[in-house]
Protein backbone atom coordinates (compact mmCIF):
# COMPACT_ATOMS: atom_id res chain seq x y z
CA UNK A 1 49.41 14.75 28.28
CA UNK A 2 48.15 17.82 30.76
CA UNK A 3 46.11 19.56 27.92
CA UNK A 4 44.63 16.46 27.25
CA UNK A 5 43.53 15.86 30.57
CA UNK A 6 41.96 19.19 30.69
CA UNK A 7 40.49 18.68 27.19
CA UNK A 8 38.97 15.56 28.42
CA UNK A 9 37.64 17.56 31.72
CA UNK A 10 35.84 20.07 29.35
CA UNK A 11 34.10 17.55 27.25
CA UNK A 12 32.55 15.46 30.29
CA UNK A 13 31.51 18.68 31.26
CA UNK A 14 29.92 20.15 28.26
CA UNK A 15 28.06 16.25 27.43
CA UNK A 16 26.63 16.76 31.31
CA UNK A 17 25.35 19.96 30.78
CA UNK A 18 23.04 18.70 28.03
CA UNK A 19 19.19 18.26 28.79
CA UNK A 20 17.02 16.53 26.46
CA UNK A 21 14.68 18.99 24.95
CA UNK A 22 11.48 17.44 23.22
CA UNK A 23 9.50 20.36 21.22
CA UNK A 24 5.82 20.53 21.48
CA UNK A 25 3.98 19.33 18.03
CA UNK A 26 4.50 21.79 15.23
CA UNK A 27 0.42 23.68 15.44
CA UNK A 28 0.60 26.13 11.94
CA UNK A 29 -2.38 28.52 12.19
CA UNK A 30 -3.06 27.26 8.05
CA UNK A 31 -2.79 24.40 5.75
CA UNK A 32 -1.17 23.95 2.35
CA UNK A 33 -2.46 22.61 -0.91
CA UNK A 34 -0.92 19.23 -1.61
CA UNK A 35 -0.71 18.10 -5.49
CA UNK A 36 -0.20 15.03 -6.72
CA UNK A 37 -0.16 12.95 -9.58
CA UNK A 38 1.40 12.91 -13.78
CA UNK A 39 -0.28 14.03 -16.70
CA UNK A 40 -0.34 10.39 -18.19
CA UNK A 41 0.22 9.73 -21.85
CA UNK A 42 -2.86 6.85 -22.84
CA UNK A 43 -3.22 4.46 -21.92
CA UNK A 44 -2.35 5.12 -18.16
CA UNK A 45 -5.71 6.86 -16.34
CA UNK A 46 -5.03 10.21 -14.97
CA UNK A 47 -5.49 10.64 -11.61
CA UNK A 48 -4.80 13.62 -9.92
CA UNK A 49 -4.80 14.06 -5.24
CA UNK A 50 -5.66 16.96 -4.46
CA UNK A 51 -5.32 17.63 -0.12
CA UNK A 52 -4.64 20.00 2.54
CA UNK A 53 -2.16 19.40 4.87
CA UNK A 54 -3.27 18.50 8.75
CA UNK A 55 -1.01 19.49 11.82
CA UNK A 56 0.68 16.87 13.36
CA UNK A 57 -1.96 17.01 16.61
CA UNK A 58 -4.86 16.32 14.01
CA UNK A 59 -6.85 12.79 14.86
CA UNK A 60 -7.34 13.01 11.15
CA UNK A 61 -4.47 12.51 8.36
CA UNK A 62 -6.74 12.79 5.49
CA UNK A 63 -8.08 15.89 4.30
CA UNK A 64 -9.35 16.12 1.14
CA UNK A 65 -10.17 18.76 -1.30
CA UNK A 66 -14.10 18.60 -2.65
CA UNK A 67 -15.41 20.28 -5.29
CA UNK A 68 -12.62 22.26 -7.09
CA UNK A 69 -12.72 22.15 -11.10
CA UNK A 70 -9.47 20.73 -12.69
CA UNK A 71 -8.12 20.76 -16.57
CA UNK A 72 -5.30 19.65 -18.47
CA UNK A 73 -3.92 22.11 -20.77
CA UNK A 74 -1.63 22.37 -23.34
CA UNK A 75 0.49 25.29 -24.50
CA UNK A 76 -1.71 25.23 -27.95
CA UNK A 77 -4.75 25.94 -26.14
CA UNK A 78 -6.21 22.51 -26.15
CA UNK A 79 -8.29 21.52 -22.64
CA UNK A 80 -8.72 18.14 -21.05
CA UNK A 81 -11.43 18.67 -17.96
CA UNK A 82 -11.02 15.76 -15.19
CA UNK A 83 -13.92 14.74 -12.85
CA UNK A 84 -13.95 14.43 -9.25
CA UNK A 85 -14.04 10.46 -7.51
CA UNK A 86 -13.93 10.41 -4.08
CA UNK A 87 -11.73 11.55 -1.37
CA UNK A 88 -10.46 14.45 -3.24
CA UNK A 89 -8.82 12.15 -6.71
CA UNK A 90 -9.92 13.75 -9.73
CA UNK A 91 -9.29 11.31 -12.89
CA UNK A 92 -9.66 11.27 -16.94
CA UNK A 93 -9.09 8.29 -19.55
CA UNK A 94 -5.04 8.69 -20.56
CA UNK A 95 -4.27 11.77 -23.22
CA UNK A 96 -2.84 11.05 -26.16
CA UNK A 97 0.07 13.44 -25.74
CA UNK A 98 1.64 15.38 -28.01
CA UNK A 99 5.87 15.12 -27.52
CA UNK A 100 5.91 18.39 -29.43
CA UNK A 101 3.70 19.99 -26.82
CA UNK A 102 3.95 21.24 -23.59
CA UNK A 103 1.40 20.79 -20.52
CA UNK A 104 0.37 22.31 -17.40
CA UNK A 105 -2.26 21.64 -14.78
CA UNK A 106 -5.13 24.10 -13.55
CA UNK A 107 -7.09 23.83 -10.32
CA UNK A 108 -9.79 26.11 -9.40
CA UNK A 109 -11.05 25.90 -5.64
CA UNK A 110 -13.68 27.58 -3.65
CA UNK A 111 -11.15 30.64 -2.60
CA UNK A 112 -8.38 30.49 -4.86
CA UNK A 113 -6.95 29.79 -8.31
CA UNK A 114 -3.39 27.00 -8.66
CA UNK A 115 -1.78 26.54 -12.23
CA UNK A 116 1.74 24.66 -12.67
CA UNK A 117 4.53 25.60 -14.84
CA UNK A 118 4.33 23.96 -18.19
CA UNK A 119 6.26 20.43 -18.46
CA UNK A 120 7.57 18.67 -21.70
CA UNK A 121 6.33 15.22 -22.53
CA UNK A 122 8.85 12.41 -21.29
CA UNK A 123 8.10 9.50 -21.76
CA UNK A 124 9.53 6.90 -19.82
CA UNK A 125 11.34 4.37 -21.91
CA UNK A 126 10.23 0.21 -21.45
CA UNK A 127 11.11 -1.50 -17.91
CA UNK A 128 13.47 -4.24 -19.28
CA UNK A 129 13.04 -6.84 -16.23
CA UNK A 130 12.05 -6.92 -12.70
CA UNK A 131 13.96 -9.75 -10.88
CA UNK A 132 14.85 -10.74 -7.31
CA UNK A 133 17.17 -12.62 -5.08
CA UNK A 134 16.63 -14.67 -1.74
CA UNK A 135 18.77 -12.83 0.92
CA UNK A 136 19.11 -14.69 4.79
CA UNK A 137 16.96 -12.23 5.77
CA UNK A 138 13.98 -11.95 3.69
CA UNK A 139 13.43 -11.30 -0.95
CA UNK A 140 15.14 -8.29 -2.95
CA UNK A 141 13.34 -7.29 -5.51
CA UNK A 142 15.22 -4.94 -8.20
CA UNK A 143 14.71 -3.23 -11.83
CA UNK A 144 16.15 -2.82 -14.96
CA UNK A 145 15.97 -0.18 -17.68
CA UNK A 146 17.51 1.82 -20.51
CA UNK A 147 17.43 4.25 -22.99
CA UNK A 148 17.92 3.06 -26.31
CA UNK A 149 17.18 6.75 -27.60
CA UNK A 150 19.18 8.71 -24.82
CA UNK A 151 15.97 10.59 -24.37
CA UNK A 152 15.81 10.04 -20.71
CA UNK A 153 18.08 10.15 -18.22
CA UNK A 154 16.46 11.00 -14.77
CA UNK A 155 13.71 8.08 -13.38
CA UNK A 156 11.32 7.25 -10.90
CA UNK A 157 9.78 4.54 -9.31
CA UNK A 158 6.39 3.28 -7.62
CA UNK A 159 4.94 -0.13 -6.99
CA UNK A 160 1.73 -2.01 -5.71
CA UNK A 161 2.30 -5.11 -4.09
CA UNK A 162 -0.04 -7.99 -3.89
CA UNK A 163 -0.07 -10.97 -1.55
CA UNK A 164 -1.83 -13.73 -0.68
CA UNK A 165 -3.30 -14.51 2.90
CA UNK A 166 -4.72 -17.79 4.83
CA UNK A 167 -7.05 -18.48 7.40
CA UNK A 168 -5.99 -20.81 10.52
CA UNK A 169 -8.79 -22.77 9.05
CA UNK A 170 -11.00 -23.53 6.04
CA UNK A 171 -14.56 -22.97 6.67
CA UNK A 172 -17.33 -25.52 5.10
CA UNK A 173 -19.93 -23.68 6.26
CA UNK A 174 -21.26 -20.46 7.72
CA UNK A 175 -24.65 -19.17 9.23
CA UNK A 176 -27.42 -16.89 7.86
CA UNK A 177 -28.24 -15.75 11.73
CA UNK A 178 -30.85 -18.64 12.00
CA UNK A 179 -28.68 -21.51 11.09
CA UNK A 180 -25.75 -23.27 9.86
CA UNK A 181 -26.17 -23.69 6.08
CA UNK A 182 -22.80 -25.59 3.58
CA UNK A 183 -20.88 -22.47 2.14
CA UNK A 184 -20.85 -22.04 -1.72
CA UNK A 185 -17.50 -22.47 -1.64
CA UNK A 186 -17.01 -21.29 -5.24
CA UNK A 187 -18.19 -17.52 -4.52
CA UNK A 188 -17.81 -17.07 -0.70
CA UNK A 189 -15.35 -18.65 0.62
CA UNK A 190 -13.19 -17.40 3.28
CA UNK A 191 -9.73 -19.20 3.55
CA UNK A 192 -7.69 -17.50 0.68
CA UNK A 193 -7.53 -14.09 0.23
CA UNK A 194 -5.21 -11.07 -1.26
CA UNK A 195 -4.17 -7.71 0.33
CA UNK A 196 -2.79 -5.47 -1.49
CA UNK A 197 -0.30 -2.24 -0.51
CA UNK A 198 1.28 0.50 -2.24
CA UNK A 199 4.65 2.19 -1.99
CA UNK A 200 5.58 4.92 0.57
CA UNK A 201 8.99 5.70 -0.40
CA UNK A 202 10.46 7.77 -3.10
CA UNK A 203 12.89 5.40 -5.41
CA UNK A 204 14.94 7.44 -7.79
CA UNK A 205 17.79 6.98 -10.00
CA UNK A 206 20.08 8.78 -12.56
CA UNK A 207 21.92 7.67 -15.67
CA UNK A 208 23.54 11.42 -15.90
CA UNK A 209 27.00 9.98 -14.67
CA UNK A 210 27.04 6.68 -16.24
CA UNK A 211 28.92 5.41 -19.34
CA UNK A 212 25.80 3.88 -20.59
CA UNK A 213 21.96 5.20 -20.42
CA UNK A 214 21.18 1.51 -18.47
CA UNK A 215 20.54 0.91 -15.26
CA UNK A 216 20.81 -2.40 -13.82
CA UNK A 217 19.44 -3.85 -10.20
CA UNK A 218 17.69 -1.02 -9.32
CA UNK A 219 16.88 -1.18 -5.76
CA UNK A 220 12.95 -1.15 -5.31
CA UNK A 221 12.36 -2.95 -2.61
CA UNK A 222 12.69 -5.63 0.34
CA UNK A 223 10.14 -8.04 1.47
CA UNK A 224 10.73 -9.06 5.19
CA UNK A 225 8.77 -12.10 5.98
CA UNK A 226 7.90 -10.92 9.50
CA UNK A 227 5.48 -8.49 7.42
CA UNK A 228 3.30 -11.69 6.41
CA UNK A 229 3.54 -10.58 2.90
CA UNK A 230 5.84 -13.91 1.85
CA UNK A 231 3.18 -16.60 4.39
CA UNK A 232 0.74 -17.32 1.43
CA UNK A 233 2.73 -20.59 1.19
CA UNK A 234 2.05 -21.91 4.64
CA UNK A 235 -1.59 -23.73 3.78
CA UNK A 236 -3.27 -26.50 5.38
CA UNK A 237 -3.57 -27.61 1.20
CA UNK A 238 -7.73 -28.41 1.89
CA UNK A 239 -7.81 -28.65 -1.73
CA UNK A 240 -4.62 -27.99 -3.90
CA UNK A 241 -6.28 -26.83 -6.99
CA UNK A 242 -8.37 -24.29 -5.88
CA UNK A 243 -5.10 -22.69 -4.18
CA UNK A 244 -3.36 -20.34 -6.31
CA UNK A 245 0.65 -21.38 -7.33
CA UNK A 246 1.86 -17.57 -6.48
CA UNK A 247 2.22 -16.02 -3.51
CA UNK A 248 3.31 -12.57 -3.67
CA UNK A 249 3.17 -9.89 -7.14
CA UNK A 250 4.34 -6.53 -7.31
CA UNK A 251 3.46 -4.41 -10.44
CA UNK A 252 6.50 -1.69 -10.64
CA UNK A 253 5.98 1.48 -12.72
CA UNK A 254 8.42 3.41 -14.14
CA UNK A 255 8.38 7.69 -14.50
CA UNK A 256 10.78 9.55 -17.29
CA UNK A 257 11.42 13.34 -15.22
CA UNK A 258 13.00 16.41 -16.28
CA UNK A 259 16.24 17.68 -14.09
CA UNK A 260 14.02 19.79 -12.56
CA UNK A 261 11.25 17.35 -11.52
CA UNK A 262 14.06 14.99 -10.25
CA UNK A 263 15.85 17.68 -7.90
CA UNK A 264 11.73 18.09 -6.46
CA UNK A 265 12.01 14.50 -5.96
CA UNK A 266 15.51 13.93 -4.53
CA UNK A 267 15.01 16.93 -1.93
CA UNK A 268 11.49 16.01 -1.10
CA UNK A 269 13.27 11.95 0.14
CA UNK A 270 15.86 13.83 1.36
CA UNK A 271 13.96 15.79 4.07
CA UNK A 272 10.75 13.45 4.46
CA UNK A 273 13.09 9.94 4.62
CA UNK A 274 16.84 10.75 5.43
CA UNK A 275 16.56 13.06 8.46
CA UNK A 276 17.53 11.34 11.74
CA UNK A 277 20.89 12.63 12.63
CA UNK A 278 23.36 15.45 12.42
CA UNK A 279 25.06 13.66 9.67
CA UNK A 280 21.61 13.33 7.42
CA UNK A 281 20.91 15.11 5.10
CA UNK A 282 19.74 18.84 6.24
CA UNK A 283 15.42 20.31 5.88
CA UNK A 284 15.62 21.80 2.82
CA UNK A 285 13.22 24.26 0.47
CA UNK A 286 11.09 22.25 -1.52
CA UNK A 287 10.13 24.02 -4.25
CA UNK A 288 7.65 22.41 -6.70
CA UNK A 289 6.55 23.91 -9.89
CA UNK A 290 2.39 24.33 -9.03
CA UNK A 291 1.73 28.23 -7.71
CA UNK A 292 -1.27 30.12 -6.61
CA UNK A 293 -2.54 32.97 -8.50
CA UNK A 294 -3.74 35.31 -6.70
CA UNK A 295 -0.71 34.58 -3.72
CA UNK A 296 2.65 33.69 -5.39
CA UNK A 297 4.20 33.42 -2.10
CA UNK A 298 2.04 30.89 -1.40
CA UNK A 299 3.34 26.77 -0.46
CA UNK A 300 1.95 24.66 -2.95
CA UNK A 301 3.32 21.08 -2.29
CA UNK A 302 3.50 18.80 -5.18
CA UNK A 303 5.48 18.70 -8.92
CA UNK A 304 3.67 17.86 -12.30
CA UNK A 305 5.14 16.11 -14.87
CA UNK A 306 3.66 14.83 -18.06
CA UNK A 307 4.91 11.31 -20.16
CA UNK A 308 4.14 7.58 -20.72
CA UNK A 309 3.80 5.49 -18.02
CA UNK A 310 6.14 2.18 -17.98
CA UNK A 311 5.30 -0.59 -15.89
CA UNK A 312 5.99 -4.48 -15.38
CA UNK A 313 4.52 -7.40 -12.99
CA UNK A 314 6.86 -9.91 -11.24
CA UNK A 315 5.03 -12.83 -9.43
CA UNK A 316 6.67 -15.20 -6.92
CA UNK A 317 5.60 -18.95 -7.15
CA UNK A 318 5.17 -20.79 -3.86
CA UNK A 319 8.31 -22.93 -4.85
CA UNK A 320 10.44 -20.11 -4.62
CA UNK A 321 9.53 -18.67 -1.20
CA UNK A 322 12.08 -20.55 0.91
CA UNK A 323 10.01 -22.44 3.90
CA UNK A 324 11.64 -20.31 6.79
CA UNK A 325 10.48 -17.28 4.96
CA UNK A 326 6.91 -18.61 4.84
CA UNK A 327 5.73 -16.39 8.12
CA UNK A 328 2.20 -15.71 9.19
CA UNK A 329 0.80 -13.28 11.26
CA UNK A 330 -2.24 -15.04 12.44
CA UNK A 331 -3.13 -14.95 15.67
CA UNK A 332 -2.70 -17.96 17.87
CA UNK A 333 -5.94 -20.26 17.20
CA UNK A 334 -7.82 -23.25 18.92
CA UNK A 335 -10.89 -25.01 17.17
CA UNK A 336 -13.98 -25.84 19.48
CA UNK A 337 -17.25 -28.57 19.03
CA UNK A 338 -20.52 -26.84 19.24
CA UNK A 339 -23.37 -29.45 19.21
CA UNK A 340 -27.14 -28.84 18.72
CA UNK A 341 -28.00 -30.48 21.66
CA UNK A 342 -25.41 -30.40 24.65
CA UNK A 343 -26.42 -31.16 28.26
CA UNK A 344 -24.47 -28.86 30.66
CA UNK A 345 -25.23 -30.99 33.85
CA UNK A 346 -26.67 -34.53 34.32
CA UNK A 347 -30.53 -34.35 33.91
CA UNK A 348 -30.34 -30.66 32.67
CA UNK A 349 -32.22 -28.79 29.75
CA UNK A 350 -29.93 -29.38 27.05
CA UNK A 351 -28.61 -26.38 25.21
CA UNK A 352 -28.05 -25.88 21.17
CA UNK A 353 -24.74 -24.43 21.31
CA UNK A 354 -24.81 -23.46 17.78
CA UNK A 355 -27.53 -20.89 18.87
CA UNK A 356 -25.14 -19.36 20.91
CA UNK A 357 -21.75 -19.40 18.79
CA UNK A 358 -23.18 -18.92 15.77
CA UNK A 359 -26.61 -18.17 15.29
CA UNK A 360 -26.72 -14.64 16.30
CA UNK A 361 -30.34 -13.41 15.13
CA UNK A 362 -30.95 -16.29 18.28
CA UNK A 363 -29.96 -13.64 20.49
CA UNK A 364 -26.38 -15.38 20.98
CA UNK A 365 -24.34 -13.37 23.29
CA UNK A 366 -20.92 -13.63 22.20
CA UNK A 367 -19.42 -10.50 24.19
CA UNK A 368 -17.76 -8.90 21.08
CA UNK A 369 -15.99 -12.28 19.78
CA UNK A 370 -18.00 -13.75 16.84
CA UNK A 371 -17.57 -17.96 15.80
CA UNK A 372 -17.87 -19.24 12.60
CA UNK A 373 -18.56 -22.81 11.84
CA UNK A 374 -15.92 -24.92 10.09
CA UNK A 375 -17.25 -28.55 9.54
CA UNK A 376 -19.27 -30.76 10.38
CA UNK A 377 -20.00 -33.50 13.35
CA UNK A 378 -21.07 -36.48 12.94
CA UNK A 379 -22.26 -38.99 14.28
CA UNK A 380 -20.91 -41.88 12.89
CA UNK A 381 -24.24 -44.72 14.27
CA UNK A 382 -26.38 -42.50 13.16
CA UNK A 383 -25.01 -41.35 9.87
CA UNK A 384 -26.11 -37.39 10.87
CA UNK A 385 -24.78 -34.18 11.90
CA UNK A 386 -25.03 -33.40 15.41
CA UNK A 387 -22.71 -30.05 14.89
CA UNK A 388 -19.78 -28.30 13.72
CA UNK A 389 -16.46 -27.47 14.63
CA UNK A 390 -16.02 -23.52 14.70
CA UNK A 391 -13.15 -21.24 15.44
CA UNK A 392 -13.25 -17.48 16.44
CA UNK A 393 -13.81 -15.02 12.45
CA UNK A 394 -10.28 -13.44 13.12
CA UNK A 395 -9.06 -17.31 12.86
CA UNK A 396 -11.70 -18.03 10.05
CA UNK A 397 -12.65 -15.09 8.02
CA UNK A 398 -9.71 -14.11 5.58
CA UNK A 399 -11.90 -11.14 4.46
CA UNK A 400 -11.39 -9.36 7.83
CA UNK A 401 -7.62 -8.75 5.93
CA UNK A 402 -8.21 -8.62 2.29
CA UNK A 403 -10.30 -9.59 -0.48
CA UNK A 404 -11.96 -13.60 -1.59
CA UNK A 405 -12.23 -12.30 -4.72
CA UNK A 406 -9.18 -12.77 -7.30
CA UNK A 407 -7.76 -9.76 -8.86
CA UNK A 408 -8.10 -9.67 -12.61
CA UNK A 409 -4.03 -9.85 -13.35
CA UNK A 410 -3.87 -12.72 -11.31
CA UNK A 411 -2.23 -16.02 -12.52
C-alpha cells in the first residue's frame, strides 16, 4: 500500500511538470514536386496535376507548375504527349493501353527532369453497385465489387458528389441595372442550383486476406445533413415540374492497384489522416515511384499507376431523404416591399424605392448588400404593378453557391 502511494505521488509530480509545447510552423528552405494522376486507359481522359509544395505559413495553398513537358512512354518506346491546360493540369485523351506493356511518366521542367518507374497495366473490375443506408444522423454510402478474373486484389476509390441547393425565395424578376424586368425562367432561374465537391480522403481496401476476391459494403462516405447536401428536398414548390426529383448524386470511381501502389497510398493515408495521438500510426517515409534524374535523392511526392478506371453513379431522390435530414444552410432571410413611388413623409417628394434597392445603374447606394426583386406588387383596383418584393442576393440567388445549369449527367 505504501509503494502504491509513492507511485501515485510520482505520477502526479511528473504530470504536474508537463508544459504545453506549441512548435512553430515548419519553414522548409525548398519545395517538393507533387505529381497526381493516373495513366488511364480509354475512354477516360488522362489528367496529371503537377505542383510544388508550399509552407504552412504561406497564404497561397496552390503552387502549380507551368510550362513543363509531360509524356507517357511505354517500354516499347511508344510516346504520348500531354497538353497543359490550366492550374498545372496536363491532359490527354485516354490511351488504348496494351496490357502486356509497362508505362511510365516523364516530366521535364525548366531546371530538372523526372521519371516514374515503369508500372504494369492494372485494370479495375466493374463496380457491381453503389448503395446507401439511412442512419440516425445521416446517410452512409457504400460500394461493392468483385474480380472474377482474380487479377486485382488492391483497390482505391475517389468520388465526386453533386447536390441541389434552393434559395429562400423564387425570383420571377431581375434588374438590368436600370429597370426591373421579368426573368427568363427557362434560362435564368436562380432558385434551383447544383453544387459539386470531390473527395479529400484516401479510400483503400484489399482482398488479399479474404477467401474470395469480393469487396462488400466498402464505406465510401457519410453524408451529414448539417452540410446542407441533403437540403435539396426543402423547397417552396413553386413549380413542381421544374424541380428535380433527385436531391443528391455521387459518382464513385474505382482504381486497381499493384501491391507497391497500395503500400504508398496506405502510408500516405496514415501520415495525413490518422495522426492525432500517441496511439495512432506514427509518421513514416512516403516512398513514391517518381524520381529526379539529376538528383535521385530528391523527394518527389506522388505515385503513378496505369490502368482502366471503373465508375458508377448513385442518385438519391427527395422521397428517400427523411424530412428531418433536409437541412439547408441558407441564411435567415426577410422579404421587403419596394415601390415605384413612395412618400417617406406627408407632403414629401416621392421616392422610387426600386432605384434605391434594385437598379444600381441609377446610383443606388446599397451599402455592399445587393437586393434582388422577387415578385410583383399589384394595385388590384387599377390592375397595375406598383412595385416589387425583394430580398438580399444571398437569399434569392443560388448561383452565388452553385450553378443553375443542370449537369449533363443529372436526371
